Amino acid sequence: MATADILPPFMFLLLFSIFRTTLSTNSPDITADQSALLALKSHITHDPHNLLATNWSTSSSVCNWIGVTCGSRHHRVTALDLSSMDLTGTIPSHLENLSFLQSFNISHNSFHGSLSTELTNLHRLKHLNFGNNSFGGEIPSWFGYFGELQSLLLYMNNFTGVIPSSFDNLSKLETLSLFNNNLRGKIPISLFNCKELKFLSLFSNFLEGSIPIEIGYLSKLQIQYLDHNNLKGTIPSSISKCKELTFFSLYDNFLEGSIPIEIGNLTMLENLDLGLNNLNGK
């Protein structure tokens, strides 16, 4: 009799488990992810290796598509890596529905066009790499809305205008790479509110003005490239507060004056390149 009393609840739990698994596999959420990725596929105008054309098919699970990673807990898309696939296309606003996306890498392709503000709905985004593509125009100020962002790589594009002051909202940012664009104007002081920055690369742009003394706020900075710009003025002694600095390049600018003796306090420094400036002794 005891066995008969236990059987119904046990069967209920078994059926509930099967139902929950089925619901998770075919949930509207993963369907939304699939629709978003198919929209991206439709915006690809050149796929020379047929990577998406043959692999991104509704006959298989989104989580098995090339370049797609799903989380084990919610079975939602958490990472999208289409780097170095020789793709040409644009980024549709539909990607805003990838609400669990944490890493987005389309570097070393030929993506172009404007970036939709709807992408700001990717609240969980931690790593964004759009490097070596053909994006142009000004860097969208709404990149500053990605509060969880740890790395932002927009190098080797055709971005113009200034570095957005909204970047000061990126309190968790550790890596910022904007080199080889057409950026102008001054280095915004607000950038130095990103206290977690460890890697800063702004070389090969047209940045001007002086190096802000606020650079000393970046106490965790390890590598910094400011070379091949139009920077003027003197090197601020506050750079000595960046105790973790190992690589510092100001090569090919218009800096003048003396090299601060405080730089000698940077005991971790391995490479200091100040060539092609108007510094005393250079």
Protein backbone atom coordinates (compact mmCIF):
# COMPACT_ATOMS: atom_id res chain seq x y z
CA MET A 1 0.00 0.00 0.00
CA ALA A 2 2.88 2.38 0.79
CA THR A 3 4.30 1.89 -2.72
CA ALA A 4 0.91 2.65 -4.30
CA ASP A 5 0.65 5.88 -2.27
CA ILE A 6 4.09 7.10 -3.46
CA LEU A 7 3.63 6.24 -7.15
CA PRO A 8 1.27 9.08 -8.23
CA PRO A 9 3.48 11.92 -6.90
CA PHE A 10 6.55 10.23 -8.42
CA MET A 11 4.85 9.97 -11.80
CA PHE A 12 3.77 13.60 -11.53
CA LEU A 13 7.36 14.73 -10.91
CA LEU A 14 8.63 12.62 -13.81
CA LEU A 15 6.05 14.04 -16.21
CA PHE A 16 6.73 17.57 -14.96
CA SER A 17 10.47 17.11 -15.57
CA ILE A 18 9.85 15.90 -19.13
CA PHE A 19 7.45 18.80 -19.76
CA ARG A 20 9.93 21.36 -18.41
CA THR A 21 12.74 20.00 -20.59
CA THR A 22 10.53 20.08 -23.66
CA LEU A 23 9.38 23.59 -22.84
CA SER A 24 12.99 24.75 -22.42
CA THR A 25 14.07 23.24 -25.73
CA ASN A 26 11.20 24.83 -27.64
CA SER A 27 10.74 27.95 -25.57
CA PRO A 28 9.68 31.24 -27.15
CA ASP A 29 12.94 32.70 -25.81
CA ILE A 30 15.25 30.46 -27.84
CA THR A 31 12.91 31.01 -30.78
CA ALA A 32 13.53 34.74 -30.39
CA ASP A 33 17.27 34.06 -30.43
CA GLN A 34 16.87 31.99 -33.57
CA SER A 35 14.87 34.72 -35.30
CA ALA A 36 17.48 37.32 -34.37
CA LEU A 37 20.31 35.24 -35.80
CA LEU A 38 18.37 34.45 -38.97
CA ALA A 39 17.84 38.20 -39.39
CA LEU A 40 21.61 38.66 -39.13
CA LYS A 41 22.10 35.90 -41.71
CA SER A 42 19.73 37.70 -44.09
CA HIS A 43 21.87 40.85 -43.75
CA ILE A 44 25.02 38.98 -44.83
CA THR A 45 25.61 39.84 -48.48
CA HIS A 46 28.85 37.91 -48.91
CA ASP A 47 29.69 34.59 -47.25
CA PRO A 48 32.50 33.19 -49.44
CA HIS A 49 33.01 30.06 -47.37
CA ASN A 50 29.26 29.36 -47.02
CA LEU A 51 29.72 29.05 -43.28
CA LEU A 52 26.38 30.57 -42.34
CA ALA A 53 24.57 29.60 -45.53
CA THR A 54 25.01 25.88 -44.86
CA ASN A 55 25.25 25.75 -41.07
CA TRP A 56 22.68 28.22 -39.78
CA SER A 57 19.62 26.11 -40.55
CA THR A 58 16.33 25.67 -38.71
CA SER A 59 16.83 21.92 -39.05
CA SER A 60 19.35 22.06 -36.17
CA SER A 61 19.43 23.71 -32.77
CA VAL A 62 20.64 27.30 -32.60
CA CYS A 63 23.10 26.17 -29.94
CA ASN A 64 24.81 23.95 -32.51
CA TRP A 65 25.27 26.69 -35.09
CA ILE A 66 28.80 27.75 -35.95
CA GLY A 67 29.99 30.68 -33.85
CA VAL A 68 27.11 30.35 -31.38
CA THR A 69 27.48 29.43 -27.71
CA CYS A 70 24.53 28.85 -25.39
CA GLY A 71 24.45 28.92 -21.61
CA SER A 72 23.95 25.66 -19.77
CA ARG A 73 21.40 27.12 -17.37
CA HIS A 74 18.90 28.96 -19.56
CA HIS A 75 19.86 27.46 -22.94
CA ARG A 76 20.02 30.97 -24.42
CA VAL A 77 22.67 32.43 -26.72
CA THR A 78 25.45 33.89 -24.54
CA ALA A 79 28.25 34.33 -27.10
CA LEU A 80 28.43 35.06 -30.81
CA ASP A 81 31.84 34.76 -32.49
CA LEU A 82 31.93 35.30 -36.26
CA SER A 83 35.48 36.64 -36.35
CA SER A 84 37.69 36.14 -39.43
CA MET A 85 35.00 34.56 -41.59
CA ASP A 86 35.39 37.03 -44.51
CA LEU A 87 31.77 38.10 -44.11
CA THR A 88 30.27 41.25 -45.60
CA GLY A 89 27.03 42.72 -44.33
CA THR A 90 25.28 44.95 -41.83
CA ILE A 91 24.10 44.51 -38.25
CA PRO A 92 20.30 44.37 -37.93
CA SER A 93 18.41 45.79 -34.95
CA HIS A 94 16.90 42.33 -34.39
CA LEU A 95 20.01 41.35 -32.44
CA GLU A 96 18.56 43.30 -29.51
CA ASN A 97 16.54 40.13 -28.79
CA LEU A 98 19.70 38.21 -27.83
CA SER A 99 18.98 39.31 -24.27
CA PHE A 100 21.45 36.85 -22.69
CA LEU A 101 24.35 37.80 -24.96
CA GLN A 102 27.58 38.47 -23.06
CA SER A 103 30.22 38.30 -25.81
CA PHE A 104 29.87 39.62 -29.38
CA ASN A 105 32.83 39.28 -31.77
CA ILE A 106 32.62 40.06 -35.49
CA SER A 107 36.21 41.25 -35.87
CA HIS A 108 38.23 40.90 -39.09
CA ASN A 109 35.32 40.93 -41.51
CA SER A 110 33.75 43.60 -43.72
CA PHE A 111 30.70 44.66 -41.73
CA HIS A 112 29.60 48.20 -42.44
CA GLY A 113 26.67 50.59 -42.12
CA SER A 114 25.13 52.22 -39.08
CA LEU A 115 24.70 50.60 -35.68
CA SER A 116 21.16 50.57 -34.34
CA THR A 117 20.41 52.08 -30.94
CA GLU A 118 18.29 49.00 -30.21
CA LEU A 119 21.54 47.17 -29.48
CA THR A 120 21.59 48.99 -26.15
CA ASN A 121 19.08 46.38 -24.99
CA LEU A 122 21.96 43.91 -24.72
CA HIS A 123 22.30 44.71 -21.02
CA ARG A 124 24.45 41.67 -20.21
CA LEU A 125 27.14 42.44 -22.79
CA LYS A 126 30.66 42.17 -21.34
CA HIS A 127 32.86 41.83 -24.42
CA LEU A 128 32.34 43.60 -27.74
CA ASN A 129 34.82 43.29 -30.61
CA PHE A 130 33.99 45.06 -33.90
CA GLY A 131 37.66 45.51 -34.81
CA ASN A 132 38.95 45.51 -38.41
CA ASN A 133 35.68 46.08 -40.24
CA SER A 134 34.33 48.97 -42.31
CA PHE A 135 32.11 50.82 -39.85
CA GLY A 136 32.16 54.59 -40.30
CA GLY A 137 30.64 57.74 -38.92
CA GLU A 138 30.91 58.77 -35.29
CA ILE A 139 31.28 56.22 -32.53
CA PRO A 140 27.77 55.93 -31.04
CA SER A 141 27.59 57.61 -27.65
CA TRP A 142 25.23 54.87 -26.50
CA PHE A 143 28.16 52.48 -26.19
CA GLY A 144 28.38 54.13 -22.79
CA TYR A 145 25.11 52.44 -21.83
CA PHE A 146 26.73 48.99 -21.64
CA GLY A 147 27.30 49.09 -17.90
CA GLU A 148 28.69 45.52 -17.73
CA LEU A 149 31.19 46.02 -20.56
CA GLN A 150 34.73 44.87 -19.77
CA SER A 151 36.30 45.10 -23.24
CA LEU A 152 35.44 47.37 -26.18
CA LEU A 153 37.44 46.94 -29.38
CA LEU A 154 36.62 49.18 -32.34
CA TYR A 155 40.09 49.34 -33.92
CA MET A 156 40.80 49.53 -37.66
CA ASN A 157 37.49 50.94 -38.85
CA ASN A 158 36.55 54.29 -40.37
CA PHE A 159 35.12 55.95 -37.27
CA THR A 160 35.32 59.73 -37.25
CA GLY A 161 34.50 62.49 -34.79
CA VAL A 162 35.53 62.47 -31.15
CA ILE A 163 35.80 59.86 -28.43
CA PRO A 164 32.38 59.88 -26.71
CA SER A 165 32.38 61.42 -23.27
CA SER A 166 29.74 58.84 -22.30
CA PHE A 167 32.50 56.26 -21.93
CA ASP A 168 32.87 57.46 -18.34
CA ASN A 169 29.85 55.29 -17.56
CA LEU A 170 31.83 52.14 -18.34
CA SER A 171 32.92 51.57 -14.76
CA LYS A 172 33.93 47.94 -15.41
CA LEU A 173 35.86 48.56 -18.65
CA GLU A 174 39.33 46.99 -18.65
CA THR A 175 40.25 47.11 -22.36
CA LEU A 176 39.61 49.94 -24.83
CA SER A 177 41.08 49.76 -28.34
CA LEU A 178 40.28 52.50 -30.86
CA PHE A 179 43.49 52.54 -32.89
CA ASN A 180 43.62 53.11 -36.66
CA ASN A 181 40.48 55.18 -37.05
CA ASN A 182 39.99 58.83 -37.98
CA LEU A 183 39.21 60.17 -34.53
CA ARG A 184 39.88 63.83 -33.82
CA GLY A 185 39.55 66.25 -30.96
CA LYS A 186 40.96 65.97 -27.46
CA ILE A 187 41.20 62.92 -25.26
CA PRO A 188 38.11 63.39 -23.06
CA ILE A 189 38.83 63.76 -19.36
CA SER A 190 35.76 61.61 -18.68
CA LEU A 191 37.62 58.64 -20.15
CA PHE A 192 39.83 58.57 -17.09
CA ASN A 193 36.85 57.78 -14.89
CA CYS A 194 37.15 54.21 -16.21
CA LYS A 195 39.21 53.27 -13.17
CA GLU A 196 39.43 49.56 -14.14
CA LEU A 197 41.25 50.24 -17.42
CA LYS A 198 44.32 48.06 -17.95
CA PHE A 199 44.78 48.39 -21.72
CA LEU A 200 44.27 51.65 -23.62
CA SER A 201 45.10 51.90 -27.33
CA LEU A 202 44.38 55.15 -29.19
CA PHE A 203 47.30 55.23 -31.63
CA SER A 204 47.12 56.19 -35.33
CA ASN A 205 44.32 58.71 -35.06
CA PHE A 206 44.31 62.52 -35.24
CA LEU A 207 43.90 63.26 -31.54
CA GLU A 208 45.11 66.68 -30.45
CA GLY A 209 45.53 68.83 -27.40
CA SER A 210 47.44 67.86 -24.28
CA ILE A 211 47.50 64.65 -22.31
CA PRO A 212 45.11 65.25 -19.38
CA ILE A 213 46.68 65.13 -15.94
CA GLU A 214 43.72 62.92 -15.00
CA ILE A 215 45.60 60.07 -16.64
CA GLY A 216 46.95 59.45 -13.16
CA TYR A 217 43.52 58.20 -12.13
CA LEU A 218 44.15 54.99 -14.07
CA SER A 219 46.05 53.27 -11.29
CA LYS A 220 45.51 49.81 -12.84
CA LEU A 221 46.74 50.78 -16.31
CA GLN A 222 49.34 48.36 -17.70
CA ILE A 223 49.62 49.12 -21.42
CA GLN A 224 48.98 52.45 -23.14
CA TYR A 225 49.44 53.46 -26.78
CA LEU A 226 49.02 57.14 -27.64
CA ASP A 227 51.53 57.20 -30.50
CA HIS A 228 51.00 58.57 -34.03
CA ASN A 229 48.64 61.39 -33.06
CA ASN A 230 48.87 65.19 -32.87
CA LEU A 231 49.25 65.51 -29.12
CA LYS A 232 51.00 68.64 -27.81
CA GLY A 233 52.13 70.08 -24.51
CA THR A 234 54.15 68.29 -21.87
CA ILE A 235 54.02 64.79 -20.43
CA PRO A 236 52.10 65.10 -17.14
CA SER A 237 54.00 63.95 -14.07
CA SER A 238 50.77 62.33 -12.86
CA ILE A 239 51.61 59.38 -15.13
CA SER A 240 53.79 58.21 -12.23
CA LYS A 241 50.59 57.24 -10.39
CA CYS A 242 50.03 54.43 -12.91
CA LYS A 243 52.14 52.04 -10.87
CA GLU A 244 51.21 48.97 -12.93
CA LEU A 245 52.35 50.49 -16.24
CA THR A 246 54.62 48.18 -18.26
CA PHE A 247 54.33 49.68 -21.78
CA PHE A 248 53.92 53.39 -22.55
CA SER A 249 54.24 54.83 -26.07
CA LEU A 250 53.95 58.47 -27.08
CA TYR A 251 55.97 58.04 -30.26
CA ASP A 252 55.41 60.50 -33.13
CA ASN A 253 53.51 63.37 -31.55
CA PHE A 254 54.35 67.05 -30.91
CA LEU A 255 55.14 66.84 -27.21
CA GLU A 256 57.72 69.20 -25.76
CA GLY A 257 59.46 70.06 -22.55
CA SER A 258 61.29 67.76 -20.17
CA ILE A 259 60.60 64.12 -19.46
CA PRO A 260 59.15 64.03 -15.92
CA ILE A 261 61.63 62.54 -13.46
CA GLU A 262 58.64 60.87 -11.76
CA ILE A 263 58.58 58.36 -14.59
CA GLY A 264 61.55 56.79 -12.83
CA ASN A 265 59.14 55.67 -10.11
CA LEU A 266 57.37 53.33 -12.54
CA THR A 267 59.21 50.21 -11.43
CA MET A 268 57.09 47.91 -13.62
CA LEU A 269 57.86 49.85 -16.80
CA GLU A 270 59.55 47.71 -19.46
CA ASN A 271 59.09 49.80 -22.60
CA LEU A 272 58.95 53.60 -22.89
CA ASP A 273 58.87 55.06 -26.41
CA LEU A 274 59.00 58.87 -26.65
CA GLY A 275 60.69 59.19 -30.04
CA LEU A 276 59.75 61.68 -32.77
CA ASN A 277 58.65 64.41 -30.39
CA ASN A 278 60.18 67.76 -29.37
CA LEU A 279 61.16 66.65 -25.91
CA ASN A 280 64.39 67.81 -24.28
CA GLY A 281 67.09 65.29 -25.11
CA LYS A 282 65.01 63.75 -27.93
